[in-house]
Amino acid sequence: MNKFTILVVEDDAPVRNLITTTLKSHDYKFITASDGGAAVAEASSHNPDIILLDLGLPDMDGVEVIRKIRTWSSMPIIVISARSEDGDKIEALDAGADDYLTKPFSVEEMLARLRVAQRRLSAAYPAANDSVFCNGKLKIDFASGCAFIGDEELHVTPIEYKILCLLAKNVGKVLTHTYITQNVWGSSWENDIASLRVFMATLRKKLEAAPDSPQYIQTHIGVGYRMMKVE
């Protein structure tokens, strides 16, 4: 089963169905959005690995979607658009798109572009080991449910451990408040986000040698948190 999740942003139902049918037949997980607002919301809450983005959306231009997502995430964005002029391609790429595929397109070429994006992701963010995760002095033994800094075990609460594991399994990626709270508490109410800030503060005190100058967990104000890669 392909472990990558693709967000398909396309308002044309036949094209969207073609893309999702192709993804399903190649064992990709996918979610869909039919306008720009939904695309930004889905990207924020589900943190997909790659986005396939149409530019001609009913509520906002796809280039604006790229700009919004680039304020908090570097997830690969592959544009699939009927706009074939060089100026349109340059504008999308300058806004932060990683690749540009012109309609009409072959599904084989789309899949090839996806494989390229996957290889870049795998090289940039190697997946946490299934049993043990190591990052600097931090070690998480998923099998035993224990975390360590050097040889010293971290005494964390179940919620703190769950947050720590979620960040570790997405090392290098910004996880939004919504994504974290939905994965930890199963909801994303305002009080969940407030609780997350409290748990993150207590986790940092246990994890960081200098909580005011964190080495492992970086705050992205108004967006979420990211576990940094530490040598």
C-alpha atoms as a PDB file:
ATOM      1  CA  MET A   1       0.000   0.000   0.000  1.00  0.00           C
ATOM      2  CA  ASN A   2       1.375   3.389  -1.003  1.00  0.00           C
ATOM      3  CA  LYS A   3       1.907   5.450   2.161  1.00  0.00           C
ATOM      4  CA  PHE A   4       1.697   8.834   0.452  1.00  0.00           C
ATOM      5  CA  THR A   5      -1.501  10.906   0.706  1.00  0.00           C
ATOM      6  CA  ILE A   6      -2.403  13.154  -2.212  1.00  0.00           C
ATOM      7  CA  LEU A   7      -4.709  16.181  -2.007  1.00  0.00           C
ATOM      8  CA  VAL A   8      -6.522  16.573  -5.341  1.00  0.00           C
ATOM      9  CA  VAL A   9      -7.801  20.117  -5.904  1.00  0.00           C
ATOM     10  CA  GLU A  10     -10.011  20.153  -9.002  1.00  0.00           C
ATOM     11  CA  ASP A  11     -13.477  21.643  -9.566  1.00  0.00           C
ATOM     12  CA  ASP A  12     -14.139  19.759 -12.826  1.00  0.00           C
ATOM     13  CA  ALA A  13     -15.796  16.524 -11.671  1.00  0.00           C
ATOM     14  CA  PRO A  14     -14.796  14.330 -14.684  1.00  0.00           C
ATOM     15  CA  VAL A  15     -11.139  15.387 -14.398  1.00  0.00           C
ATOM     16  CA  ARG A  16     -11.226  14.924 -10.611  1.00  0.00           C
ATOM     17  CA  ASN A  17     -12.706  11.450 -11.057  1.00  0.00           C
ATOM     18  CA  LEU A  18     -10.028  10.538 -13.614  1.00  0.00           C
ATOM     19  CA  ILE A  19      -7.272  11.602 -11.224  1.00  0.00           C
ATOM     20  CA  THR A  20      -8.710   9.903  -8.143  1.00  0.00           C
ATOM     21  CA  THR A  21      -9.494   6.684 -10.045  1.00  0.00           C
ATOM     22  CA  THR A  22      -5.875   6.604 -11.238  1.00  0.00           C
ATOM     23  CA  LEU A  23      -4.561   7.245  -7.727  1.00  0.00           C
ATOM     24  CA  LYS A  24      -6.788   4.553  -6.266  1.00  0.00           C
ATOM     25  CA  SER A  25      -5.644   1.994  -8.844  1.00  0.00           C
ATOM     26  CA  HIS A  26      -2.029   2.713  -7.867  1.00  0.00           C
ATOM     27  CA  ASP A  27      -2.717   2.403  -4.122  1.00  0.00           C
ATOM     28  CA  TYR A  28      -2.393   6.075  -3.235  1.00  0.00           C
ATOM     29  CA  LYS A  29      -4.470   7.510  -0.443  1.00  0.00           C
ATOM     30  CA  PHE A  30      -6.203  10.719  -1.469  1.00  0.00           C
ATOM     31  CA  ILE A  31      -8.513  13.490  -0.338  1.00  0.00           C
ATOM     32  CA  THR A  32     -10.273  15.994  -2.588  1.00  0.00           C
ATOM     33  CA  ALA A  33     -11.283  19.650  -2.664  1.00  0.00           C
ATOM     34  CA  SER A  34     -13.278  21.455  -5.331  1.00  0.00           C
ATOM     35  CA  ASP A  35     -12.359  25.058  -4.516  1.00  0.00           C
ATOM     36  CA  GLY A  36      -9.486  27.072  -3.097  1.00  0.00           C
ATOM     37  CA  GLY A  37     -10.906  27.599   0.374  1.00  0.00           C
ATOM     38  CA  ALA A  38     -11.487  23.889   0.836  1.00  0.00           C
ATOM     39  CA  ALA A  39      -7.996  23.177  -0.527  1.00  0.00           C
ATOM     40  CA  VAL A  40      -6.320  25.372   2.089  1.00  0.00           C
ATOM     41  CA  ALA A  41      -8.499  23.877   4.842  1.00  0.00           C
ATOM     42  CA  GLU A  42      -7.757  20.286   3.775  1.00  0.00           C
ATOM     43  CA  ALA A  43      -4.036  20.990   3.474  1.00  0.00           C
ATOM     44  CA  SER A  44      -4.053  22.500   6.966  1.00  0.00           C
ATOM     45  CA  SER A  45      -6.082  19.802   8.694  1.00  0.00           C
ATOM     46  CA  HIS A  46      -4.859  16.652   6.901  1.00  0.00           C
ATOM     47  CA  ASN A  47      -1.258  17.605   6.070  1.00  0.00           C
ATOM     48  CA  PRO A  48      -1.084  15.639   2.782  1.00  0.00           C
ATOM     49  CA  ASP A  49       2.265  14.648   1.335  1.00  0.00           C
ATOM     50  CA  ILE A  50       1.662  16.090  -2.150  1.00  0.00           C
ATOM     51  CA  ILE A  51      -0.943  18.403  -3.713  1.00  0.00           C
ATOM     52  CA  LEU A  52      -2.257  18.132  -7.283  1.00  0.00           C
ATOM     53  CA  LEU A  53      -3.689  21.596  -7.930  1.00  0.00           C
ATOM     54  CA  ASP A  54      -5.848  23.053 -10.677  1.00  0.00           C
ATOM     55  CA  LEU A  55      -5.431  26.821 -11.103  1.00  0.00           C
ATOM     56  CA  GLY A  56      -8.903  27.666 -12.417  1.00  0.00           C
ATOM     57  CA  LEU A  57     -10.923  27.353  -9.209  1.00  0.00           C
ATOM     58  CA  PRO A  58     -14.353  28.929  -8.633  1.00  0.00           C
ATOM     59  CA  ASP A  59     -13.553  30.988  -5.527  1.00  0.00           C
ATOM     60  CA  MET A  60      -9.884  31.988  -5.912  1.00  0.00           C
ATOM     61  CA  ASP A  61      -7.012  31.566  -8.309  1.00  0.00           C
ATOM     62  CA  GLY A  62      -4.878  28.498  -7.723  1.00  0.00           C
ATOM     63  CA  VAL A  63      -1.778  30.693  -7.530  1.00  0.00           C
ATOM     64  CA  GLU A  64      -3.284  32.309  -4.423  1.00  0.00           C
ATOM     65  CA  VAL A  65      -3.788  28.829  -2.948  1.00  0.00           C
ATOM     66  CA  ILE A  66      -0.084  28.145  -3.513  1.00  0.00           C
ATOM     67  CA  ARG A  67       0.879  31.410  -1.797  1.00  0.00           C
ATOM     68  CA  LYS A  68      -1.341  30.685   1.209  1.00  0.00           C
ATOM     69  CA  ILE A  69       0.038  27.161   1.683  1.00  0.00           C
ATOM     70  CA  ARG A  70       3.619  28.346   1.245  1.00  0.00           C
ATOM     71  CA  THR A  71       3.259  30.601   4.301  1.00  0.00           C
ATOM     72  CA  TRP A  72       3.384  27.480   6.488  1.00  0.00           C
ATOM     73  CA  SER A  73       4.292  24.392   4.451  1.00  0.00           C
ATOM     74  CA  SER A  74       6.838  23.195   1.892  1.00  0.00           C
ATOM     75  CA  MET A  75       4.768  20.167   0.803  1.00  0.00           C
ATOM     76  CA  PRO A  76       5.234  19.494  -2.941  1.00  0.00           C
ATOM     77  CA  ILE A  77       2.591  21.159  -5.120  1.00  0.00           C
ATOM     78  CA  ILE A  78       2.131  19.892  -8.683  1.00  0.00           C
ATOM     79  CA  VAL A  79      -0.032  22.182 -10.802  1.00  0.00           C
ATOM     80  CA  ILE A  80      -2.353  20.534 -13.346  1.00  0.00           C
ATOM     81  CA  SER A  81      -3.845  23.293 -15.473  1.00  0.00           C
ATOM     82  CA  ALA A  82      -5.233  24.121 -18.896  1.00  0.00           C
ATOM     83  CA  ARG A  83      -3.173  27.338 -18.814  1.00  0.00           C
ATOM     84  CA  SER A  84      -0.288  26.649 -21.175  1.00  0.00           C
ATOM     85  CA  GLU A  85       1.311  30.091 -21.554  1.00  0.00           C
ATOM     86  CA  ASP A  86       4.829  30.475 -20.215  1.00  0.00           C
ATOM     87  CA  GLY A  87       3.714  33.436 -18.105  1.00  0.00           C
ATOM     88  CA  ASP A  88       1.156  31.307 -16.263  1.00  0.00           C
ATOM     89  CA  LYS A  89       3.722  28.600 -15.591  1.00  0.00           C
ATOM     90  CA  ILE A  90       6.291  31.094 -14.359  1.00  0.00           C
ATOM     91  CA  GLU A  91       3.760  32.772 -12.054  1.00  0.00           C
ATOM     92  CA  ALA A  92       2.781  29.441 -10.465  1.00  0.00           C
ATOM     93  CA  LEU A  93       6.383  28.303 -10.086  1.00  0.00           C
ATOM     94  CA  ASP A  94       7.436  31.658  -8.650  1.00  0.00           C
ATOM     95  CA  ALA A  95       4.583  31.420  -6.130  1.00  0.00           C
ATOM     96  CA  GLY A  96       6.005  28.121  -4.888  1.00  0.00           C
ATOM     97  CA  ALA A  97       4.728  25.315  -7.117  1.00  0.00           C
ATOM     98  CA  ASP A  98       7.182  22.450  -7.597  1.00  0.00           C
ATOM     99  CA  ASP A  99       6.023  21.200 -10.986  1.00  0.00           C
ATOM    100  CA  TYR A 100       3.566  22.088 -13.767  1.00  0.00           C
ATOM    101  CA  LEU A 101       1.549  19.671 -15.880  1.00  0.00           C
ATOM    102  CA  THR A 102      -0.557  21.055 -18.751  1.00  0.00           C
ATOM    103  CA  LYS A 103      -4.040  19.735 -19.601  1.00  0.00           C
ATOM    104  CA  PRO A 104      -4.787  17.552 -21.423  1.00  0.00           C
ATOM    105  CA  PHE A 105      -2.321  15.237 -19.729  1.00  0.00           C
ATOM    106  CA  SER A 106      -1.610  11.522 -19.698  1.00  0.00           C
ATOM    107  CA  VAL A 107      -2.085   9.668 -16.419  1.00  0.00           C
ATOM    108  CA  GLU A 108       1.298   8.029 -16.998  1.00  0.00           C
ATOM    109  CA  GLU A 109       2.996  11.440 -16.979  1.00  0.00           C
ATOM    110  CA  MET A 110       1.063  12.483 -13.872  1.00  0.00           C
ATOM    111  CA  LEU A 111       2.193   9.326 -12.073  1.00  0.00           C
ATOM    112  CA  ALA A 112       5.788   9.948 -13.169  1.00  0.00           C
ATOM    113  CA  ARG A 113       5.650  13.492 -11.743  1.00  0.00           C
ATOM    114  CA  LEU A 114       4.286  12.068  -8.497  1.00  0.00           C
ATOM    115  CA  ARG A 115       7.120   9.547  -8.281  1.00  0.00           C
ATOM    116  CA  VAL A 116       9.651  12.361  -8.680  1.00  0.00           C
ATOM    117  CA  ALA A 117       7.992  14.292  -5.844  1.00  0.00           C
ATOM    118  CA  GLN A 118       7.982  11.141  -3.690  1.00  0.00           C
ATOM    119  CA  ARG A 119      11.709  10.614  -4.212  1.00  0.00           C
ATOM    120  CA  ARG A 120      12.382  14.208  -3.171  1.00  0.00           C
ATOM    121  CA  LEU A 121      10.262  13.749  -0.056  1.00  0.00           C
ATOM    122  CA  SER A 122      11.943  10.482   0.865  1.00  0.00           C
ATOM    123  CA  ALA A 123      15.371  12.067   0.520  1.00  0.00           C
ATOM    124  CA  ALA A 124      14.444  15.178   2.499  1.00  0.00           C
ATOM    125  CA  TYR A 125      12.408  13.552   5.261  1.00  0.00           C
ATOM    126  CA  PRO A 126      13.369   9.931   5.856  1.00  0.00           C
ATOM    127  CA  ALA A 127      10.598   8.135   7.689  1.00  0.00           C
ATOM    128  CA  ALA A 128      10.985   7.389  11.363  1.00  0.00           C
ATOM    129  CA  ASN A 129      12.110   3.822  11.998  1.00  0.00           C
ATOM    130  CA  ASP A 130       9.186   1.502  12.719  1.00  0.00           C
ATOM    131  CA  SER A 131      10.600   0.541  16.116  1.00  0.00           C
ATOM    132  CA  VAL A 132      13.156   3.191  17.135  1.00  0.00           C
ATOM    133  CA  PHE A 133      13.402   6.860  16.186  1.00  0.00           C
ATOM    134  CA  CYS A 134      16.643   8.799  16.761  1.00  0.00           C
ATOM    135  CA  ASN A 135      17.152  12.528  16.332  1.00  0.00           C
ATOM    136  CA  GLY A 136      20.201  14.037  18.009  1.00  0.00           C
ATOM    137  CA  LYS A 137      20.112  12.851  21.614  1.00  0.00           C
ATOM    138  CA  LEU A 138      16.387  12.097  21.404  1.00  0.00           C
ATOM    139  CA  LYS A 139      15.430   8.439  21.069  1.00  0.00           C
ATOM    140  CA  ILE A 140      11.883   7.080  20.976  1.00  0.00           C
ATOM    141  CA  ASP A 141      11.338   3.348  21.335  1.00  0.00           C
ATOM    142  CA  PHE A 142       7.877   2.908  19.844  1.00  0.00           C
ATOM    143  CA  ALA A 143       7.684  -0.760  20.818  1.00  0.00           C
ATOM    144  CA  SER A 144       8.179  -0.061  24.525  1.00  0.00           C
ATOM    145  CA  GLY A 145       6.471   3.333  24.526  1.00  0.00           C
ATOM    146  CA  CYS A 146       9.504   5.065  26.060  1.00  0.00           C
ATOM    147  CA  ALA A 147      11.454   8.174  25.118  1.00  0.00           C
ATOM    148  CA  PHE A 148      14.992   9.119  26.118  1.00  0.00           C
ATOM    149  CA  ILE A 149      17.369  12.079  25.975  1.00  0.00           C
ATOM    150  CA  GLY A 150      20.765  10.452  25.899  1.00  0.00           C
ATOM    151  CA  ASP A 151      20.623   7.699  28.515  1.00  0.00           C
ATOM    152  CA  GLU A 152      17.976   9.448  30.616  1.00  0.00           C
ATOM    153  CA  GLU A 153      14.360   8.388  30.229  1.00  0.00           C
ATOM    154  CA  LEU A 154      11.842  11.172  29.704  1.00  0.00           C
ATOM    155  CA  HIS A 155       8.921  10.951  32.112  1.00  0.00           C
ATOM    156  CA  VAL A 156       6.111  12.124  29.866  1.00  0.00           C
ATOM    157  CA  THR A 157       2.339  11.848  30.158  1.00  0.00           C
ATOM    158  CA  PRO A 158       0.382   9.762  27.625  1.00  0.00           C
ATOM    159  CA  ILE A 159      -0.730  12.926  25.806  1.00  0.00           C
ATOM    160  CA  GLU A 160       2.810  14.329  25.737  1.00  0.00           C
ATOM    161  CA  TYR A 161       4.096  11.013  24.372  1.00  0.00           C
ATOM    162  CA  LYS A 162       1.414  10.973  21.677  1.00  0.00           C
ATOM    163  CA  ILE A 163       2.336  14.514  20.593  1.00  0.00           C
ATOM    164  CA  LEU A 164       6.042  13.658  20.621  1.00  0.00           C
ATOM    165  CA  CYS A 165       5.507  10.568  18.444  1.00  0.00           C
ATOM    166  CA  LEU A 166       3.328  12.490  15.982  1.00  0.00           C
ATOM    167  CA  LEU A 167       6.010  15.149  15.554  1.00  0.00           C
ATOM    168  CA  ALA A 168       8.757  12.519  15.272  1.00  0.00           C
ATOM    169  CA  LYS A 169       6.948  10.590  12.558  1.00  0.00           C
ATOM    170  CA  ASN A 170       6.660  13.831  10.587  1.00  0.00           C
ATOM    171  CA  VAL A 171      10.151  15.162  11.320  1.00  0.00           C
ATOM    172  CA  GLY A 172      10.955  18.249   9.261  1.00  0.00           C
ATOM    173  CA  LYS A 173       7.299  18.965   8.443  1.00  0.00           C
ATOM    174  CA  VAL A 174       5.171  21.731   9.945  1.00  0.00           C
ATOM    175  CA  LEU A 175       2.081  20.212  11.594  1.00  0.00           C
ATOM    176  CA  THR A 176      -0.799  22.629  12.038  1.00  0.00           C
ATOM    177  CA  HIS A 177      -2.655  23.022  15.334  1.00  0.00           C
ATOM    178  CA  THR A 178      -5.700  21.463  13.691  1.00  0.00           C
ATOM    179  CA  TYR A 179      -3.785  18.444  12.404  1.00  0.00           C
ATOM    180  CA  ILE A 180      -2.187  17.765  15.792  1.00  0.00           C
ATOM    181  CA  THR A 181      -5.364  18.157  17.836  1.00  0.00           C
ATOM    182  CA  GLN A 182      -7.374  15.964  15.469  1.00  0.00           C
ATOM    183  CA  ASN A 183      -4.736  13.224  15.731  1.00  0.00           C
ATOM    184  CA  VAL A 184      -4.299  13.520  19.506  1.00  0.00           C
ATOM    185  CA  TRP A 185      -7.816  14.332  20.745  1.00  0.00           C
ATOM    186  CA  GLY A 186      -9.909  13.458  17.703  1.00  0.00           C
ATOM    187  CA  SER A 187     -11.315  16.995  17.526  1.00  0.00           C
ATOM    188  CA  SER A 188     -10.151  20.539  16.961  1.00  0.00           C
ATOM    189  CA  TRP A 189     -12.122  22.821  19.233  1.00  0.00           C
ATOM    190  CA  GLU A 190     -10.640  26.064  20.506  1.00  0.00           C
ATOM    191  CA  ASN A 191     -10.059  24.523  23.943  1.00  0.00           C
ATOM    192  CA  ASP A 192      -8.174  21.625  22.299  1.00  0.00           C
ATOM    193  CA  ILE A 193      -5.745  24.104  20.747  1.00  0.00           C
ATOM    194  CA  ALA A 194      -5.370  25.868  24.105  1.00  0.00           C
ATOM    195  CA  SER A 195      -4.641  22.498  25.741  1.00  0.00           C
ATOM    196  CA  LEU A 196      -2.096  21.731  23.037  1.00  0.00           C
ATOM    197  CA  ARG A 197      -0.138  24.890  23.916  1.00  0.00           C
ATOM    198  CA  VAL A 198      -0.040  23.826  27.583  1.00  0.00           C
ATOM    199  CA  PHE A 199       1.094  20.283  26.778  1.00  0.00           C
ATOM    200  CA  MET A 200       3.693  21.598  24.342  1.00  0.00           C
ATOM    201  CA  ALA A 201       5.116  23.892  27.024  1.00  0.00           C
ATOM    202  CA  THR A 202       5.430  21.044  29.542  1.00  0.00           C
ATOM    203  CA  LEU A 203       6.875  18.710  26.894  1.00  0.00           C
ATOM    204  CA  ARG A 204       9.509  21.279  25.983  1.00  0.00           C
ATOM    205  CA  LYS A 205      10.585  21.621  29.623  1.00  0.00           C
ATOM    206  CA  LYS A 206      11.267  17.890  29.682  1.00  0.00           C
ATOM    207  CA  LEU A 207      12.772  17.636  26.210  1.00  0.00           C
ATOM    208  CA  GLU A 208      14.797  20.811  25.691  1.00  0.00           C
ATOM    209  CA  ALA A 209      17.981  21.727  27.543  1.00  0.00           C
ATOM    210  CA  ALA A 210      16.972  25.387  27.047  1.00  0.00           C
ATOM    211  CA  PRO A 211      13.161  25.616  26.527  1.00  0.00           C
ATOM    212  CA  ASP A 212      13.437  29.309  25.573  1.00  0.00           C
ATOM    213  CA  SER A 213      15.822  28.345  22.742  1.00  0.00           C
ATOM    214  CA  PRO A 214      14.346  25.017  21.615  1.00  0.00           C
ATOM    215  CA  GLN A 215      16.501  22.622  19.633  1.00  0.00           C
ATOM    216  CA  TYR A 216      13.921  19.967  18.809  1.00  0.00           C
ATOM    217  CA  ILE A 217      10.471  21.555  18.517  1.00  0.00           C
ATOM    218  CA  GLN A 218      10.032  24.792  16.590  1.00  0.00           C
ATOM    219  CA  THR A 219       6.925  26.940  16.969  1.00  0.00           C
ATOM    220  CA  HIS A 220       5.361  28.432  13.859  1.00  0.00           C
ATOM    221  CA  ILE A 221       3.264  31.191  15.404  1.00  0.00           C
ATOM    222  CA  GLY A 222      -0.388  30.976  14.458  1.00  0.00           C
ATOM    223  CA  VAL A 223       0.215  27.796  12.464  1.00  0.00           C
ATOM    224  CA  GLY A 224       1.614  24.888  14.480  1.00  0.00           C
ATOM    225  CA  TYR A 225       4.821  23.051  15.352  1.00  0.00           C
ATOM    226  CA  ARG A 226       7.668  21.250  13.642  1.00  0.00           C
ATOM    227  CA  MET A 227      10.238  18.781  14.927  1.00  0.00           C
ATOM    228  CA  MET A 228      13.615  19.871  13.605  1.00  0.00           C
ATOM    229  CA  LYS A 229      16.237  17.445  12.352  1.00  0.00           C
ATOM    230  CA  VAL A 230      19.121  17.490  14.844  1.00  0.00           C
ATOM    231  CA  GLU A 231      22.582  16.163  14.093  1.00  0.00           C
END
